[in-house]
Amino acid sequence: MCGLVLAVNVSARQFLQADFVAQVRAALDRHIINPRLLKLELTESLLLDDIEHIIETMSILKDIGILLSLDDFGTGYSSLQYLKKLPFDQLKIDQSFVRGLVSDSSDKRLCALLSGWHKT
């Protein structure tokens, strides 16, 4: 086995379907996929809906063994508070959020704050 992980983009609309977990389970069974080799990449727009339902669904998927990634973080209005509550395995920061890290002083300061390097 080569250990490659299959990453699949999932829209907020798909994720919020009542039978989403059942669809994922059926696909895993049908294609004989190890759930630990599947990563669902969720968009930041998902976090604008019923957060308790989202946490519950994510927890079920994590219990199955599926990896979860938040894709394009920084493009919307997500709060860092959500990141503390949600069981993501990976955070993919959108390039527009970090594009000016080398040249823009505000971006450099933000990076330092997020990484804990900022001294007051």
PDB file of N, CA and C in Angstrom:
ATOM      1  N   MET A   1       0.842  -1.182   0.000  1.00  0.00           N
ATOM      2  CA  MET A   1       0.000   0.000   0.000  1.00  0.00           C
ATOM      3  C   MET A   1       0.885   1.242   0.000  1.00  0.00           C
ATOM      4  N   CYS A   2       0.524   2.240  -0.786  1.00  0.00           N
ATOM      5  CA  CYS A   2       1.373   3.422  -0.937  1.00  0.00           C
ATOM      6  C   CYS A   2       1.020   4.533   0.053  1.00  0.00           C
ATOM      7  N   GLY A   3      -0.098   4.466   0.762  1.00  0.00           N
ATOM      8  CA  GLY A   3      -0.424   5.448   1.777  1.00  0.00           C
ATOM      9  C   GLY A   3      -0.902   6.784   1.262  1.00  0.00           C
ATOM     10  N   LEU A   4      -1.277   6.868   0.000  1.00  0.00           N
ATOM     11  CA  LEU A   4      -1.803   8.118  -0.528  1.00  0.00           C
ATOM     12  C   LEU A   4      -3.178   8.400   0.062  1.00  0.00           C
ATOM     13  N   VAL A   5      -3.457   9.670   0.302  1.00  0.00           N
ATOM     14  CA  VAL A   5      -4.753  10.087   0.821  1.00  0.00           C
ATOM     15  C   VAL A   5      -5.549  10.718  -0.313  1.00  0.00           C
ATOM     16  N   LEU A   6      -6.791  10.300  -0.448  1.00  0.00           N
ATOM     17  CA  LEU A   6      -7.691  10.858  -1.453  1.00  0.00           C
ATOM     18  C   LEU A   6      -8.410  12.048  -0.834  1.00  0.00           C
ATOM     19  N   ALA A   7      -8.198  13.243  -1.387  1.00  0.00           N
ATOM     20  CA  ALA A   7      -8.856  14.457  -0.903  1.00  0.00           C
ATOM     21  C   ALA A   7     -10.026  14.790  -1.821  1.00  0.00           C
ATOM     22  N   VAL A   8     -11.177  15.029  -1.201  1.00  0.00           N
ATOM     23  CA  VAL A   8     -12.393  15.323  -1.962  1.00  0.00           C
ATOM     24  C   VAL A   8     -12.983  16.629  -1.440  1.00  0.00           C
ATOM     25  N   ASN A   9     -13.193  17.582  -2.336  1.00  0.00           N
ATOM     26  CA  ASN A   9     -13.840  18.839  -1.961  1.00  0.00           C
ATOM     27  C   ASN A   9     -15.324  18.601  -1.750  1.00  0.00           C
ATOM     28  N   VAL A  10     -15.849  19.127  -0.656  1.00  0.00           N
ATOM     29  CA  VAL A  10     -17.259  18.984  -0.324  1.00  0.00           C
ATOM     30  C   VAL A  10     -17.839  20.378  -0.113  1.00  0.00           C
ATOM     31  N   SER A  11     -18.917  20.669  -0.813  1.00  0.00           N
ATOM     32  CA  SER A  11     -19.555  21.975  -0.649  1.00  0.00           C
ATOM     33  C   SER A  11     -20.390  21.991   0.625  1.00  0.00           C
ATOM     34  N   ALA A  12     -20.689  23.180   1.097  1.00  0.00           N
ATOM     35  CA  ALA A  12     -21.554  23.317   2.278  1.00  0.00           C
ATOM     36  C   ALA A  12     -22.907  22.668   2.007  1.00  0.00           C
ATOM     37  N   ARG A  13     -23.413  22.837   0.818  1.00  0.00           N
ATOM     38  CA  ARG A  13     -24.714  22.257   0.448  1.00  0.00           C
ATOM     39  C   ARG A  13     -24.689  20.731   0.573  1.00  0.00           C
ATOM     40  N   GLN A  14     -23.633  20.114   0.076  1.00  0.00           N
ATOM     41  CA  GLN A  14     -23.497  18.652   0.185  1.00  0.00           C
ATOM     42  C   GLN A  14     -23.400  18.226   1.640  1.00  0.00           C
ATOM     43  N   PHE A  15     -22.523  18.895   2.387  1.00  0.00           N
ATOM     44  CA  PHE A  15     -22.266  18.520   3.772  1.00  0.00           C
ATOM     45  C   PHE A  15     -23.521  18.596   4.626  1.00  0.00           C
ATOM     46  N   LEU A  16     -24.389  19.550   4.330  1.00  0.00           N
ATOM     47  CA  LEU A  16     -25.587  19.765   5.139  1.00  0.00           C
ATOM     48  C   LEU A  16     -26.765  18.879   4.735  1.00  0.00           C
ATOM     49  N   GLN A  17     -26.588  18.044   3.722  1.00  0.00           N
ATOM     50  CA  GLN A  17     -27.654  17.116   3.357  1.00  0.00           C
ATOM     51  C   GLN A  17     -27.897  16.151   4.513  1.00  0.00           C
ATOM     52  N   ALA A  18     -29.157  15.836   4.750  1.00  0.00           N
ATOM     53  CA  ALA A  18     -29.535  14.978   5.881  1.00  0.00           C
ATOM     54  C   ALA A  18     -28.861  13.611   5.827  1.00  0.00           C
ATOM     55  N   ASP A  19     -28.613  13.096   4.638  1.00  0.00           N
ATOM     56  CA  ASP A  19     -28.033  11.756   4.504  1.00  0.00           C
ATOM     57  C   ASP A  19     -26.565  11.777   4.092  1.00  0.00           C
ATOM     58  N   PHE A  20     -25.864  12.872   4.360  1.00  0.00           N
ATOM     59  CA  PHE A  20     -24.481  12.997   3.910  1.00  0.00           C
ATOM     60  C   PHE A  20     -23.581  11.895   4.479  1.00  0.00           C
ATOM     61  N   VAL A  21     -23.670  11.652   5.769  1.00  0.00           N
ATOM     62  CA  VAL A  21     -22.824  10.622   6.386  1.00  0.00           C
ATOM     63  C   VAL A  21     -23.132   9.261   5.775  1.00  0.00           C
ATOM     64  N   ALA A  22     -24.399   8.972   5.555  1.00  0.00           N
ATOM     65  CA  ALA A  22     -24.784   7.686   4.946  1.00  0.00           C
ATOM     66  C   ALA A  22     -24.221   7.578   3.531  1.00  0.00           C
ATOM     67  N   GLN A  23     -24.222   8.684   2.781  1.00  0.00           N
ATOM     68  CA  GLN A  23     -23.658   8.686   1.428  1.00  0.00           C
ATOM     69  C   GLN A  23     -22.158   8.390   1.471  1.00  0.00           C
ATOM     70  N   VAL A  24     -21.469   9.000   2.415  1.00  0.00           N
ATOM     71  CA  VAL A  24     -20.023   8.790   2.542  1.00  0.00           C
ATOM     72  C   VAL A  24     -19.735   7.333   2.916  1.00  0.00           C
ATOM     73  N   ARG A  25     -20.476   6.825   3.888  1.00  0.00           N
ATOM     74  CA  ARG A  25     -20.289   5.420   4.295  1.00  0.00           C
ATOM     75  C   ARG A  25     -20.534   4.469   3.119  1.00  0.00           C
ATOM     76  N   ALA A  26     -21.583   4.730   2.365  1.00  0.00           N
ATOM     77  CA  ALA A  26     -21.906   3.876   1.220  1.00  0.00           C
ATOM     78  C   ALA A  26     -20.789   3.918   0.178  1.00  0.00           C
ATOM     79  N   ALA A  27     -20.232   5.108  -0.065  1.00  0.00           N
ATOM     80  CA  ALA A  27     -19.141   5.243  -1.035  1.00  0.00           C
ATOM     81  C   ALA A  27     -17.889   4.501  -0.558  1.00  0.00           C
ATOM     82  N   LEU A  28     -17.599   4.594   0.734  1.00  0.00           N
ATOM     83  CA  LEU A  28     -16.451   3.872   1.294  1.00  0.00           C
ATOM     84  C   LEU A  28     -16.619   2.366   1.116  1.00  0.00           C
ATOM     85  N   ASP A  29     -17.815   1.883   1.420  1.00  0.00           N
ATOM     86  CA  ASP A  29     -18.094   0.444   1.281  1.00  0.00           C
ATOM     87  C   ASP A  29     -18.070   0.007  -0.181  1.00  0.00           C
ATOM     88  N   ARG A  30     -18.717   0.789  -1.025  1.00  0.00           N
ATOM     89  CA  ARG A  30     -18.838   0.437  -2.443  1.00  0.00           C
ATOM     90  C   ARG A  30     -17.478   0.366  -3.132  1.00  0.00           C
ATOM     91  N   HIS A  31     -16.587   1.273  -2.778  1.00  0.00           N
ATOM     92  CA  HIS A  31     -15.279   1.351  -3.446  1.00  0.00           C
ATOM     93  C   HIS A  31     -14.144   0.759  -2.609  1.00  0.00           C
ATOM     94  N   ILE A  32     -14.501   0.148  -1.491  1.00  0.00           N
ATOM     95  CA  ILE A  32     -13.546  -0.506  -0.587  1.00  0.00           C
ATOM     96  C   ILE A  32     -12.382   0.452  -0.253  1.00  0.00           C
ATOM     97  N   ILE A  33     -12.732   1.597   0.305  1.00  0.00           N
ATOM     98  CA  ILE A  33     -11.762   2.630   0.666  1.00  0.00           C
ATOM     99  C   ILE A  33     -11.569   2.624   2.182  1.00  0.00           C
ATOM    100  N   ASN A  34     -10.326   2.602   2.607  1.00  0.00           N
ATOM    101  CA  ASN A  34     -10.003   2.748   4.023  1.00  0.00           C
ATOM    102  C   ASN A  34     -10.345   4.191   4.411  1.00  0.00           C
ATOM    103  N   PRO A  35     -11.233   4.404   5.378  1.00  0.00           N
ATOM    104  CA  PRO A  35     -11.633   5.772   5.733  1.00  0.00           C
ATOM    105  C   PRO A  35     -10.463   6.643   6.180  1.00  0.00           C
ATOM    106  N   ARG A  36      -9.394   6.042   6.668  1.00  0.00           N
ATOM    107  CA  ARG A  36      -8.228   6.819   7.100  1.00  0.00           C
ATOM    108  C   ARG A  36      -7.421   7.370   5.927  1.00  0.00           C
ATOM    109  N   LEU A  37      -7.795   6.936   4.726  1.00  0.00           N
ATOM    110  CA  LEU A  37      -7.129   7.428   3.515  1.00  0.00           C
ATOM    111  C   LEU A  37      -8.033   8.366   2.724  1.00  0.00           C
ATOM    112  N   LEU A  38      -9.094   8.842   3.385  1.00  0.00           N
ATOM    113  CA  LEU A  38     -10.012   9.796   2.758  1.00  0.00           C
ATOM    114  C   LEU A  38      -9.997  11.090   3.557  1.00  0.00           C
ATOM    115  N   LYS A  39      -9.766  12.196   2.851  1.00  0.00           N
ATOM    116  CA  LYS A  39      -9.809  13.516   3.474  1.00  0.00           C
ATOM    117  C   LYS A  39     -10.910  14.325   2.794  1.00  0.00           C
ATOM    118  N   LEU A  40     -11.854  14.814   3.593  1.00  0.00           N
ATOM    119  CA  LEU A  40     -12.896  15.685   3.065  1.00  0.00           C
ATOM    120  C   LEU A  40     -12.469  17.123   3.292  1.00  0.00           C
ATOM    121  N   GLU A  41     -12.409  17.882   2.196  1.00  0.00           N
ATOM    122  CA  GLU A  41     -12.015  19.286   2.276  1.00  0.00           C
ATOM    123  C   GLU A  41     -13.288  20.122   2.257  1.00  0.00           C
ATOM    124  N   LEU A  42     -13.515  20.819   3.362  1.00  0.00           N
ATOM    125  CA  LEU A  42     -14.731  21.594   3.545  1.00  0.00           C
ATOM    126  C   LEU A  42     -14.438  23.071   3.341  1.00  0.00           C
ATOM    127  N   THR A  43     -15.387  23.770   2.775  1.00  0.00           N
ATOM    128  CA  THR A  43     -15.197  25.195   2.528  1.00  0.00           C
ATOM    129  C   THR A  43     -15.587  26.004   3.759  1.00  0.00           C
ATOM    130  N   GLU A  44     -14.990  27.164   3.868  1.00  0.00           N
ATOM    131  CA  GLU A  44     -15.228  28.040   5.004  1.00  0.00           C
ATOM    132  C   GLU A  44     -16.694  28.474   5.088  1.00  0.00           C
ATOM    133  N   SER A  45     -17.376  28.525   3.962  1.00  0.00           N
ATOM    134  CA  SER A  45     -18.787  28.942   3.957  1.00  0.00           C
ATOM    135  C   SER A  45     -19.657  27.991   4.773  1.00  0.00           C
ATOM    136  N   LEU A  46     -19.197  26.770   4.963  1.00  0.00           N
ATOM    137  CA  LEU A  46     -19.928  25.798   5.777  1.00  0.00           C
ATOM    138  C   LEU A  46     -20.153  26.324   7.185  1.00  0.00           C
ATOM    139  N   LEU A  47     -19.216  27.104   7.694  1.00  0.00           N
ATOM    140  CA  LEU A  47     -19.252  27.556   9.075  1.00  0.00           C
ATOM    141  C   LEU A  47     -20.291  28.637   9.329  1.00  0.00           C
ATOM    142  N   LEU A  48     -21.002  29.046   8.279  1.00  0.00           N
ATOM    143  CA  LEU A  48     -22.025  30.066   8.430  1.00  0.00           C
ATOM    144  C   LEU A  48     -23.375  29.471   8.820  1.00  0.00           C
ATOM    145  N   ASP A  49     -23.494  28.157   8.785  1.00  0.00           N
ATOM    146  CA  ASP A  49     -24.765  27.500   9.068  1.00  0.00           C
ATOM    147  C   ASP A  49     -24.804  26.989  10.511  1.00  0.00           C
ATOM    148  N   ASP A  50     -25.713  26.087  10.790  1.00  0.00           N
ATOM    149  CA  ASP A  50     -25.948  25.527  12.114  1.00  0.00           C
ATOM    150  C   ASP A  50     -24.695  24.838  12.650  1.00  0.00           C
ATOM    151  N   ILE A  51     -23.940  25.533  13.478  1.00  0.00           N
ATOM    152  CA  ILE A  51     -22.632  25.055  13.927  1.00  0.00           C
ATOM    153  C   ILE A  51     -22.744  23.779  14.764  1.00  0.00           C
ATOM    154  N   GLU A  52     -23.776  23.642  15.562  1.00  0.00           N
ATOM    155  CA  GLU A  52     -23.930  22.429  16.379  1.00  0.00           C
ATOM    156  C   GLU A  52     -24.137  21.195  15.496  1.00  0.00           C
ATOM    157  N   HIS A  53     -24.945  21.340  14.450  1.00  0.00           N
ATOM    158  CA  HIS A  53     -25.151  20.233  13.506  1.00  0.00           C
ATOM    159  C   HIS A  53     -23.843  19.900  12.787  1.00  0.00           C
ATOM    160  N   ILE A  54     -23.095  20.925  12.426  1.00  0.00           N
ATOM    161  CA  ILE A  54     -21.826  20.730  11.727  1.00  0.00           C
ATOM    162  C   ILE A  54     -20.836  19.980  12.624  1.00  0.00           C
ATOM    163  N   ILE A  55     -20.761  20.373  13.884  1.00  0.00           N
ATOM    164  CA  ILE A  55     -19.861  19.697  14.828  1.00  0.00           C
ATOM    165  C   ILE A  55     -20.270  18.238  14.984  1.00  0.00           C
ATOM    166  N   GLU A  56     -21.556  17.988  15.097  1.00  0.00           N
ATOM    167  CA  GLU A  56     -22.053  16.611  15.249  1.00  0.00           C
ATOM    168  C   GLU A  56     -21.694  15.756  14.032  1.00  0.00           C
ATOM    169  N   THR A  57     -21.930  16.293  12.841  1.00  0.00           N
ATOM    170  CA  THR A  57     -21.623  15.559  11.607  1.00  0.00           C
ATOM    171  C   THR A  57     -20.126  15.318  11.480  1.00  0.00           C
ATOM    172  N   MET A  58     -19.333  16.342  11.780  1.00  0.00           N
ATOM    173  CA  MET A  58     -17.880  16.191  11.705  1.00  0.00           C
ATOM    174  C   MET A  58     -17.397  15.131  12.693  1.00  0.00           C
ATOM    175  N   SER A  59     -17.963  15.110  13.875  1.00  0.00           N
ATOM    176  CA  SER A  59     -17.559  14.131  14.887  1.00  0.00           C
ATOM    177  C   SER A  59     -17.865  12.710  14.440  1.00  0.00           C
ATOM    178  N   ILE A  60     -19.008  12.515  13.807  1.00  0.00           N
ATOM    179  CA  ILE A  60     -19.357  11.191  13.280  1.00  0.00           C
ATOM    180  C   ILE A  60     -18.348  10.773  12.215  1.00  0.00           C
ATOM    181  N   LEU A  61     -18.017  11.694  11.308  1.00  0.00           N
ATOM    182  CA  LEU A  61     -17.055  11.397  10.243  1.00  0.00           C
ATOM    183  C   LEU A  61     -15.684  11.077  10.835  1.00  0.00           C
ATOM    184  N   LYS A  62     -15.273  11.827  11.856  1.00  0.00           N
ATOM    185  CA  LYS A  62     -13.986  11.577  12.513  1.00  0.00           C
ATOM    186  C   LYS A  62     -13.988  10.203  13.184  1.00  0.00           C
ATOM    187  N   ASP A  63     -15.130   9.832  13.800  1.00  0.00           N
ATOM    188  CA  ASP A  63     -15.232   8.515  14.445  1.00  0.00           C
ATOM    189  C   ASP A  63     -15.093   7.384  13.433  1.00  0.00           C
ATOM    190  N   ILE A  64     -15.535   7.635  12.218  1.00  0.00           N
ATOM    191  CA  ILE A  64     -15.389   6.644  11.143  1.00  0.00           C
ATOM    192  C   ILE A  64     -13.917   6.514  10.752  1.00  0.00           C
ATOM    193  N   GLY A  65     -13.149   7.598  10.962  1.00  0.00           N
ATOM    194  CA  GLY A  65     -11.732   7.588  10.621  1.00  0.00           C
ATOM    195  C   GLY A  65     -11.365   8.539   9.503  1.00  0.00           C
ATOM    196  N   ILE A  66     -12.335   9.301   9.031  1.00  0.00           N
ATOM    197  CA  ILE A  66     -12.115  10.219   7.915  1.00  0.00           C
ATOM    198  C   ILE A  66     -11.379  11.466   8.394  1.00  0.00           C
ATOM    199  N   LEU A  67     -10.440  11.935   7.584  1.00  0.00           N
ATOM    200  CA  LEU A  67      -9.714  13.175   7.856  1.00  0.00           C
ATOM    201  C   LEU A  67     -10.542  14.355   7.365  1.00  0.00           C
ATOM    202  N   LEU A  68     -10.433  15.487   8.069  1.00  0.00           N
ATOM    203  CA  LEU A  68     -11.181  16.684   7.690  1.00  0.00           C
ATOM    204  C   LEU A  68     -10.237  17.864   7.546  1.00  0.00           C
ATOM    205  N   SER A  69     -10.455  18.623   6.480  1.00  0.00           N
ATOM    206  CA  SER A  69      -9.625  19.783   6.194  1.00  0.00           C
ATOM    207  C   SER A  69     -10.520  20.993   5.952  1.00  0.00           C
ATOM    208  N   LEU A  70     -10.126  22.142   6.484  1.00  0.00           N
ATOM    209  CA  LEU A  70     -10.831  23.388   6.191  1.00  0.00           C
ATOM    210  C   LEU A  70     -10.060  24.074   5.082  1.00  0.00           C
ATOM    211  N   ASP A  71     -10.701  24.191   3.935  1.00  0.00           N
ATOM    212  CA  ASP A  71     -10.069  24.723   2.731  1.00  0.00           C
ATOM    213  C   ASP A  71     -10.324  26.221   2.611  1.00  0.00           C
ATOM    214  N   ASP A  72      -9.340  26.953   2.127  1.00  0.00           N
ATOM    215  CA  ASP A  72      -9.456  28.390   1.827  1.00  0.00           C
ATOM    216  C   ASP A  72      -9.821  29.242   3.037  1.00  0.00           C
ATOM    217  N   PHE A  73      -9.290  28.910   4.206  1.00  0.00           N
ATOM    218  CA  PHE A  73      -9.565  29.719   5.391  1.00  0.00           C
ATOM    219  C   PHE A  73      -9.039  31.132   5.162  1.00  0.00           C
ATOM    220  N   GLY A  74      -9.816  32.110   5.563  1.00  0.00           N
ATOM    221  CA  GLY A  74      -9.418  33.509   5.425  1.00  0.00           C
ATOM    222  C   GLY A  74     -10.116  34.224   4.293  1.00  0.00           C
ATOM    223  N   THR A  75     -10.941  33.512   3.533  1.00  0.00           N
ATOM    224  CA  THR A  75     -11.647  34.157   2.419  1.00  0.00           C
ATOM    225  C   THR A  75     -12.994  34.697   2.843  1.00  0.00           C
ATOM    226  N   GLY A  76     -13.511  34.235   3.959  1.00  0.00           N
ATOM    227  CA  GLY A  76     -14.844  34.643   4.405  1.00  0.00           C
ATOM    228  C   GLY A  76     -14.779  35.333   5.747  1.00  0.00           C
ATOM    229  N   TYR A  77     -15.757  35.035   6.561  1.00  0.00           N
ATOM    230  CA  TYR A  77     -15.882  35.722   7.836  1.00  0.00           C
ATOM    231  C   TYR A  77     -15.769  34.770   9.017  1.00  0.00           C
ATOM    232  N   SER A  78     -15.032  33.703   8.856  1.00  0.00           N
ATOM    233  CA  SER A  78     -14.906  32.726   9.933  1.00  0.00           C
ATOM    234  C   SER A  78     -14.173  33.322  11.119  1.00  0.00           C
ATOM    235  N   SER A  79     -14.576  32.864  12.264  1.00  0.00           N
ATOM    236  CA  SER A  79     -13.943  33.271  13.507  1.00  0.00           C
ATOM    237  C   SER A  79     -12.919  32.219  13.902  1.00  0.00           C
ATOM    238  N   LEU A  80     -11.830  32.665  14.488  1.00  0.00           N
ATOM    239  CA  LEU A  80     -10.853  31.713  15.010  1.00  0.00           C
ATOM    240  C   LEU A  80     -11.475  30.877  16.123  1.00  0.00           C
ATOM    241  N   GLN A  81     -12.535  31.397  16.730  1.00  0.00           N
ATOM    242  CA  GLN A  81     -13.236  30.665  17.778  1.00  0.00           C
ATOM    243  C   GLN A  81     -13.775  29.342  17.237  1.00  0.00           C
ATOM    244  N   TYR A  82     -14.251  29.333  15.978  1.00  0.00           N
ATOM    245  CA  TYR A  82     -14.759  28.102  15.375  1.00  0.00           C
ATOM    246  C   TYR A  82     -13.669  27.032  15.301  1.00  0.00           C
ATOM    247  N   LEU A  83     -12.454  27.460  15.037  1.00  0.00           N
ATOM    248  CA  LEU A  83     -11.361  26.503  14.883  1.00  0.00           C
ATOM    249  C   LEU A  83     -11.102  25.741  16.176  1.00  0.00           C
ATOM    250  N   LYS A  84     -11.417  26.353  17.299  1.00  0.00           N
ATOM    251  CA  LYS A  84     -11.238  25.681  18.583  1.00  0.00           C
ATOM    252  C   LYS A  84     -12.286  24.599  18.790  1.00  0.00           C
ATOM    253  N   LYS A  85     -13.454  24.762  18.186  1.00  0.00           N
ATOM    254  CA  LYS A  85     -14.572  23.842  18.393  1.00  0.00           C
ATOM    255  C   LYS A  85     -14.615  22.707  17.372  1.00  0.00           C
ATOM    256  N   LEU A  86     -14.082  22.941  16.199  1.00  0.00           N
ATOM    257  CA  LEU A  86     -14.254  21.998  15.096  1.00  0.00           C
ATOM    258  C   LEU A  86     -13.067  21.055  14.971  1.00  0.00           C
ATOM    259  N   PRO A  87     -13.329  19.769  14.761  1.00  0.00           N
ATOM    260  CA  PRO A  87     -12.259  18.760  14.751  1.00  0.00           C
ATOM    261  C   PRO A  87     -11.540  18.616  13.401  1.00  0.00           C
ATOM    262  N   PHE A  88     -10.951  19.691  12.940  1.00  0.00           N
ATOM    263  CA  PHE A  88     -10.211  19.630  11.678  1.00  0.00           C
ATOM    264  C   PHE A  88      -8.838  19.012  11.887  1.00  0.00           C
ATOM    265  N   ASP A  89      -8.382  18.262  10.886  1.00  0.00           N
ATOM    266  CA  ASP A  89      -7.035  17.710  10.889  1.00  0.00           C
ATOM    267  C   ASP A  89      -6.062  18.642  10.177  1.00  0.00           C
ATOM    268  N   GLN A  90      -6.630  19.514   9.329  1.00  0.00           N
ATOM    269  CA  GLN A  90      -5.788  20.377   8.502  1.00  0.00           C
ATOM    270  C   GLN A  90      -6.501  21.700   8.273  1.00  0.00           C
ATOM    271  N   LEU A  91      -5.734  22.767   8.273  1.00  0.00           N
ATOM    272  CA  LEU A  91      -6.233  24.102   7.967  1.00  0.00           C
ATOM    273  C   LEU A  91      -5.456  24.613   6.767  1.00  0.00           C
ATOM    274  N   LYS A  92      -6.163  24.873   5.669  1.00  0.00           N
ATOM    275  CA  LYS A  92      -5.518  25.388   4.462  1.00  0.00           C
ATOM    276  C   LYS A  92      -5.878  26.868   4.337  1.00  0.00           C
ATOM    277  N   ILE A  93      -4.885  27.711   4.550  1.00  0.00           N
ATOM    278  CA  ILE A  93      -5.102  29.154   4.525  1.00  0.00           C
ATOM    279  C   ILE A  93      -5.072  29.637   3.087  1.00  0.00           C
ATOM    280  N   ASP A  94      -6.074  30.426   2.715  1.00  0.00           N
ATOM    281  CA  ASP A  94      -6.172  30.933   1.353  1.00  0.00           C
ATOM    282  C   ASP A  94      -5.002  31.852   1.039  1.00  0.00           C
ATOM    283  N   GLN A  95      -4.524  31.774  -0.198  1.00  0.00           N
ATOM    284  CA  GLN A  95      -3.361  32.576  -0.598  1.00  0.00           C
ATOM    285  C   GLN A  95      -3.609  34.077  -0.465  1.00  0.00           C
ATOM    286  N   SER A  96      -4.850  34.518  -0.645  1.00  0.00           N
ATOM    287  CA  SER A  96      -5.138  35.945  -0.526  1.00  0.00           C
ATOM    288  C   SER A  96      -4.924  36.441   0.906  1.00  0.00           C
ATOM    289  N   PHE A  97      -5.015  35.534   1.860  1.00  0.00           N
ATOM    290  CA  PHE A  97      -4.848  35.867   3.267  1.00  0.00           C
ATOM    291  C   PHE A  97      -3.376  36.059   3.618  1.00  0.00           C
ATOM    292  N   VAL A  98      -2.494  35.374   2.913  1.00  0.00           N
ATOM    293  CA  VAL A  98      -1.069  35.400   3.250  1.00  0.00           C
ATOM    294  C   VAL A  98      -0.172  35.928   2.130  1.00  0.00           C
ATOM    295  N   ARG A  99      -0.757  36.367   1.041  1.00  0.00           N
ATOM    296  CA  ARG A  99       0.006  36.783  -0.130  1.00  0.00           C
ATOM    297  C   ARG A  99       1.069  37.837   0.187  1.00  0.00           C
ATOM    298  N   GLY A 100       0.752  38.796   1.056  1.00  0.00           N
ATOM    299  CA  GLY A 100       1.679  39.893   1.316  1.00  0.00           C
ATOM    300  C   GLY A 100       2.594  39.681   2.500  1.00  0.00           C
ATOM    301  N   LEU A 101       2.758  38.460   2.947  1.00  0.00           N
ATOM    302  CA  LEU A 101       3.578  38.208   4.134  1.00  0.00           C
ATOM    303  C   LEU A 101       5.002  38.734   4.008  1.00  0.00           C
ATOM    304  N   VAL A 102       5.541  38.713   2.829  1.00  0.00           N
ATOM    305  CA  VAL A 102       6.920  39.141   2.639  1.00  0.00           C
ATOM    306  C   VAL A 102       7.028  40.662   2.550  1.00  0.00           C
ATOM    307  N   SER A 103       6.026  41.304   1.950  1.00  0.00           N
ATOM    308  CA  SER A 103       6.170  42.731   1.654  1.00  0.00           C
ATOM    309  C   SER A 103       5.244  43.653   2.440  1.00  0.00           C
ATOM    310  N   ASP A 104       4.128  43.181   2.937  1.00  0.00           N
ATOM    311  CA  ASP A 104       3.146  44.039   3.592  1.00  0.00           C
ATOM    312  C   ASP A 104       3.331  43.982   5.109  1.00  0.00           C
ATOM    313  N   SER A 105       3.555  45.150   5.735  1.00  0.00           N
ATOM    314  CA  SER A 105       3.825  45.165   7.181  1.00  0.00           C
ATOM    315  C   SER A 105       2.628  44.698   7.997  1.00  0.00           C
ATOM    316  N   SER A 106       1.411  44.968   7.545  1.00  0.00           N
ATOM    317  CA  SER A 106       0.224  44.495   8.265  1.00  0.00           C
ATOM    318  C   SER A 106       0.132  42.976   8.210  1.00  0.00           C
ATOM    319  N   ASP A 107       0.450  42.410   7.048  1.00  0.00           N
ATOM    320  CA  ASP A 107       0.425  40.954   6.906  1.00  0.00           C
ATOM    321  C   ASP A 107       1.520  40.302   7.751  1.00  0.00           C
ATOM    322  N   LYS A 108       2.701  40.940   7.790  1.00  0.00           N
ATOM    323  CA  LYS A 108       3.789  40.407   8.620  1.00  0.00           C
ATOM    324  C   LYS A 108       3.385  40.402  10.093  1.00  0.00           C
ATOM    325  N   ARG A 109       2.743  41.476  10.522  1.00  0.00           N
ATOM    326  CA  ARG A 109       2.307  41.579  11.920  1.00  0.00           C
ATOM    327  C   ARG A 109       1.267  40.506  12.225  1.00  0.00           C
ATOM    328  N   LEU A 110       0.319  40.305  11.310  1.00  0.00           N
ATOM    329  CA  LEU A 110      -0.710  39.281  11.503  1.00  0.00           C
ATOM    330  C   LEU A 110      -0.083  37.895  11.608  1.00  0.00           C
ATOM    331  N   CYS A 111       0.869  37.621  10.752  1.00  0.00           N
ATOM    332  CA  CYS A 111       1.558  36.329  10.782  1.00  0.00           C
ATOM    333  C   CYS A 111       2.265  36.143  12.121  1.00  0.00           C
ATOM    334  N   ALA A 112       2.911  37.179  12.592  1.00  0.00           N
ATOM    335  CA  ALA A 112       3.609  37.102  13.866  1.00  0.00           C
ATOM    336  C   ALA A 112       2.625  36.863  15.012  1.00  0.00           C
ATOM    337  N   LEU A 113       1.476  37.529  14.960  1.00  0.00           N
ATOM    338  CA  LEU A 113       0.464  37.342  15.999  1.00  0.00           C
ATOM    339  C   LEU A 113      -0.061  35.908  16.000  1.00  0.00           C
ATOM    340  N   LEU A 114      -0.343  35.392  14.818  1.00  0.00           N
ATOM    341  CA  LEU A 114      -0.886  34.045  14.718  1.00  0.00           C
ATOM    342  C   LEU A 114       0.122  32.990  15.133  1.00  0.00           C
ATOM    343  N   SER A 115       1.385  33.260  14.930  1.00  0.00           N
ATOM    344  CA  SER A 115       2.402  32.275  15.263  1.00  0.00           C
ATOM    345  C   SER A 115       2.937  32.422  16.684  1.00  0.00           C
ATOM    346  N   GLY A 116       2.544  33.504  17.357  1.00  0.00           N
ATOM    347  CA  GLY A 116       2.992  33.702  18.731  1.00  0.00           C
ATOM    348  C   GLY A 116       4.333  34.394  18.852  1.00  0.00           C
ATOM    349  N   TRP A 117       4.852  34.909  17.749  1.00  0.00           N
ATOM    350  CA  TRP A 117       6.159  35.550  17.780  1.00  0.00           C
ATOM    351  C   TRP A 117       6.096  37.030  18.151  1.00  0.00           C
ATOM    352  N   HIS A 118       4.921  37.588  18.110  1.00  0.00           N
ATOM    353  CA  HIS A 118       4.764  39.023  18.343  1.00  0.00           C
ATOM    354  C   HIS A 118       5.090  39.371  19.793  1.00  0.00           C
ATOM    355  N   LYS A 119       5.914  40.376  19.976  1.00  0.00           N
ATOM    356  CA  LYS A 119       6.256  40.834  21.317  1.00  0.00           C
ATOM    357  C   LYS A 119       5.664  42.220  21.521  1.00  0.00           C
ATOM    358  N   THR A 120       5.034  42.424  22.676  1.00  0.00           N
ATOM    359  CA  THR A 120       4.450  43.733  22.957  1.00  0.00           C
ATOM    360  C   THR A 120       5.362  44.542  23.835  1.00  0.00           C
TER     361      THR A 120
END
